[in-house]
Amino acid sequence: MPMKRPAPSPSHSAARRFVRSEDGAVAFTLSRAPMGIFVERVQFRQGRGRVTHAAIFTDDTSFERWCDADSVRFDYPLVHINLKRHGNNLLRRE
C-alpha cells in the first residue's frame, strides 16, 4: 500500500509547492530557501524503487536551464510548465 504524503499546513503552503504527473511516475517538491529555492525530484520506477535528486537554485536562469534539460519536458509537458511557473514564483517570493 503506497504511503500518502500529508497535506501541507496553510502556514507553509505559500513557501512550498508540489507538482506531480497524473500517473504518479514523477513528483517535484519546491520549497523556498534563504538563498533561493530547494527542489526535490522523485521518479518512481515500477518494481525497482525510486530515484531522488535534490538541488538549490539561486536564480531563475539556472533553474529554467535545469528544467529544460529534464526529460519531463517531453514526457509530461504540463508538469514541466507547472514546475517552471511555481519555481519562478518562489524565486520571486510571490
C-alpha atoms as a PDB file:
ATOM      1  CA  MET A   1       0.000   0.000   0.000  1.00  0.00           C
ATOM      2  CA  PRO A   2       1.569   3.338  -1.043  1.00  0.00           C
ATOM      3  CA  MET A   3       2.247   5.915   1.631  1.00  0.00           C
ATOM      4  CA  LYS A   4       0.498   9.237   1.236  1.00  0.00           C
ATOM      5  CA  ARG A   5       2.283  12.485   1.942  1.00  0.00           C
ATOM      6  CA  PRO A   6       0.372  14.670   4.430  1.00  0.00           C
ATOM      7  CA  ALA A   7      -1.106  17.849   3.046  1.00  0.00           C
ATOM      8  CA  PRO A   8       0.999  20.922   3.764  1.00  0.00           C
ATOM      9  CA  SER A   9      -0.257  23.158   6.531  1.00  0.00           C
ATOM     10  CA  PRO A  10      -1.629  26.544   5.414  1.00  0.00           C
ATOM     11  CA  SER A  11       1.268  28.399   7.057  1.00  0.00           C
ATOM     12  CA  HIS A  12       3.785  26.570   4.846  1.00  0.00           C
ATOM     13  CA  SER A  13       1.782  26.306   1.627  1.00  0.00           C
ATOM     14  CA  ALA A  14       2.881  29.756   0.411  1.00  0.00           C
ATOM     15  CA  ALA A  15       6.547  28.710   0.609  1.00  0.00           C
ATOM     16  CA  ARG A  16       6.123  25.171  -0.757  1.00  0.00           C
ATOM     17  CA  ARG A  17       4.676  23.764  -3.967  1.00  0.00           C
ATOM     18  CA  PHE A  18       4.039  20.202  -5.142  1.00  0.00           C
ATOM     19  CA  VAL A  19       3.921  19.173  -8.802  1.00  0.00           C
ATOM     20  CA  ARG A  20       3.403  15.595  -9.970  1.00  0.00           C
ATOM     21  CA  SER A  21       2.403  13.690 -13.057  1.00  0.00           C
ATOM     22  CA  GLU A  22      -1.096  12.260 -13.305  1.00  0.00           C
ATOM     23  CA  ASP A  23       0.252   8.710 -13.271  1.00  0.00           C
ATOM     24  CA  GLY A  24       2.443   9.436 -10.225  1.00  0.00           C
ATOM     25  CA  ALA A  25       5.649   8.420 -12.019  1.00  0.00           C
ATOM     26  CA  VAL A  26       7.431  11.693 -11.244  1.00  0.00           C
ATOM     27  CA  ALA A  27       6.924  14.283  -8.500  1.00  0.00           C
ATOM     28  CA  PHE A  28       8.586  17.558  -7.570  1.00  0.00           C
ATOM     29  CA  THR A  29       8.611  19.428  -4.273  1.00  0.00           C
ATOM     30  CA  LEU A  30       9.676  23.064  -4.400  1.00  0.00           C
ATOM     31  CA  SER A  31      10.414  24.972  -1.198  1.00  0.00           C
ATOM     32  CA  ARG A  32      11.598  28.464  -0.505  1.00  0.00           C
ATOM     33  CA  ALA A  33      15.121  28.552   0.938  1.00  0.00           C
ATOM     34  CA  PRO A  34      17.033  31.527   2.373  1.00  0.00           C
ATOM     35  CA  MET A  35      19.150  31.853  -0.773  1.00  0.00           C
ATOM     36  CA  GLY A  36      16.662  30.689  -3.426  1.00  0.00           C
ATOM     37  CA  ILE A  37      14.585  27.527  -3.856  1.00  0.00           C
ATOM     38  CA  PHE A  38      15.145  23.900  -2.906  1.00  0.00           C
ATOM     39  CA  VAL A  39      13.857  21.410  -5.489  1.00  0.00           C
ATOM     40  CA  GLU A  40      13.439  17.693  -4.930  1.00  0.00           C
ATOM     41  CA  ARG A  41      12.662  15.432  -7.899  1.00  0.00           C
ATOM     42  CA  VAL A  42      11.440  11.896  -7.240  1.00  0.00           C
ATOM     43  CA  GLN A  43      10.977   9.388 -10.040  1.00  0.00           C
ATOM     44  CA  PHE A  44       9.162   6.194  -9.095  1.00  0.00           C
ATOM     45  CA  ARG A  45      10.342   3.133 -11.016  1.00  0.00           C
ATOM     46  CA  GLN A  46       7.706   0.452 -11.002  1.00  0.00           C
ATOM     47  CA  GLY A  47       9.015  -2.541  -9.083  1.00  0.00           C
ATOM     48  CA  ARG A  48      12.537  -1.091  -8.940  1.00  0.00           C
ATOM     49  CA  GLY A  49      12.377   1.597  -6.255  1.00  0.00           C
ATOM     50  CA  ARG A  50      12.769   5.313  -6.810  1.00  0.00           C
ATOM     51  CA  VAL A  51      15.393   7.840  -7.840  1.00  0.00           C
ATOM     52  CA  THR A  52      15.652  11.122  -5.945  1.00  0.00           C
ATOM     53  CA  HIS A  53      17.552  14.267  -6.926  1.00  0.00           C
ATOM     54  CA  ALA A  54      17.761  17.482  -4.932  1.00  0.00           C
ATOM     55  CA  ALA A  55      19.216  20.892  -5.755  1.00  0.00           C
ATOM     56  CA  ILE A  56      19.160  24.519  -4.651  1.00  0.00           C
ATOM     57  CA  PHE A  57      18.777  27.281  -7.231  1.00  0.00           C
ATOM     58  CA  THR A  58      19.601  30.919  -6.567  1.00  0.00           C
ATOM     59  CA  ASP A  59      18.395  32.411  -9.841  1.00  0.00           C
ATOM     60  CA  ASP A  60      15.722  31.792 -12.431  1.00  0.00           C
ATOM     61  CA  THR A  61      18.185  31.285 -15.307  1.00  0.00           C
ATOM     62  CA  SER A  62      19.876  28.247 -13.766  1.00  0.00           C
ATOM     63  CA  PHE A  63      16.523  26.869 -12.587  1.00  0.00           C
ATOM     64  CA  GLU A  64      14.991  27.156 -16.067  1.00  0.00           C
ATOM     65  CA  ARG A  65      18.057  25.535 -17.698  1.00  0.00           C
ATOM     66  CA  TRP A  66      17.748  22.615 -15.259  1.00  0.00           C
ATOM     67  CA  CYS A  67      14.028  22.258 -16.000  1.00  0.00           C
ATOM     68  CA  ASP A  68      14.602  22.371 -19.753  1.00  0.00           C
ATOM     69  CA  ALA A  69      17.277  19.647 -19.542  1.00  0.00           C
ATOM     70  CA  ASP A  70      14.921  17.248 -17.723  1.00  0.00           C
ATOM     71  CA  SER A  71      13.135  14.561 -19.761  1.00  0.00           C
ATOM     72  CA  VAL A  72       9.880  15.601 -18.058  1.00  0.00           C
ATOM     73  CA  ARG A  73       9.823  18.422 -20.605  1.00  0.00           C
ATOM     74  CA  PHE A  74       8.854  15.895 -23.280  1.00  0.00           C
ATOM     75  CA  ASP A  75       7.265  13.104 -21.221  1.00  0.00           C
ATOM     76  CA  TYR A  76       4.974  15.345 -19.121  1.00  0.00           C
ATOM     77  CA  PRO A  77       4.725  18.814 -20.726  1.00  0.00           C
ATOM     78  CA  LEU A  78       2.089  20.098 -18.270  1.00  0.00           C
ATOM     79  CA  VAL A  79       4.257  19.069 -15.321  1.00  0.00           C
ATOM     80  CA  HIS A  80       7.172  20.906 -16.957  1.00  0.00           C
ATOM     81  CA  ILE A  81       5.134  24.091 -17.394  1.00  0.00           C
ATOM     82  CA  ASN A  82       3.817  23.999 -13.813  1.00  0.00           C
ATOM     83  CA  LEU A  83       7.274  23.235 -12.422  1.00  0.00           C
ATOM     84  CA  LYS A  84       8.767  26.291 -14.109  1.00  0.00           C
ATOM     85  CA  ARG A  85       5.850  28.524 -13.138  1.00  0.00           C
ATOM     86  CA  HIS A  86       5.908  27.541  -9.457  1.00  0.00           C
ATOM     87  CA  GLY A  87       9.702  27.690  -9.268  1.00  0.00           C
ATOM     88  CA  ASN A  88       9.873  31.154 -10.789  1.00  0.00           C
ATOM     89  CA  ASN A  89       7.118  32.377  -8.443  1.00  0.00           C
ATOM     90  CA  LEU A  90       9.020  31.085  -5.425  1.00  0.00           C
ATOM     91  CA  LEU A  91      12.255  32.667  -6.647  1.00  0.00           C
ATOM     92  CA  ARG A  92      10.448  35.999  -6.984  1.00  0.00           C
ATOM     93  CA  ARG A  93       8.945  35.439  -3.497  1.00  0.00           C
ATOM     94  CA  GLU A  94       5.351  35.595  -4.775  1.00  0.00           C
END
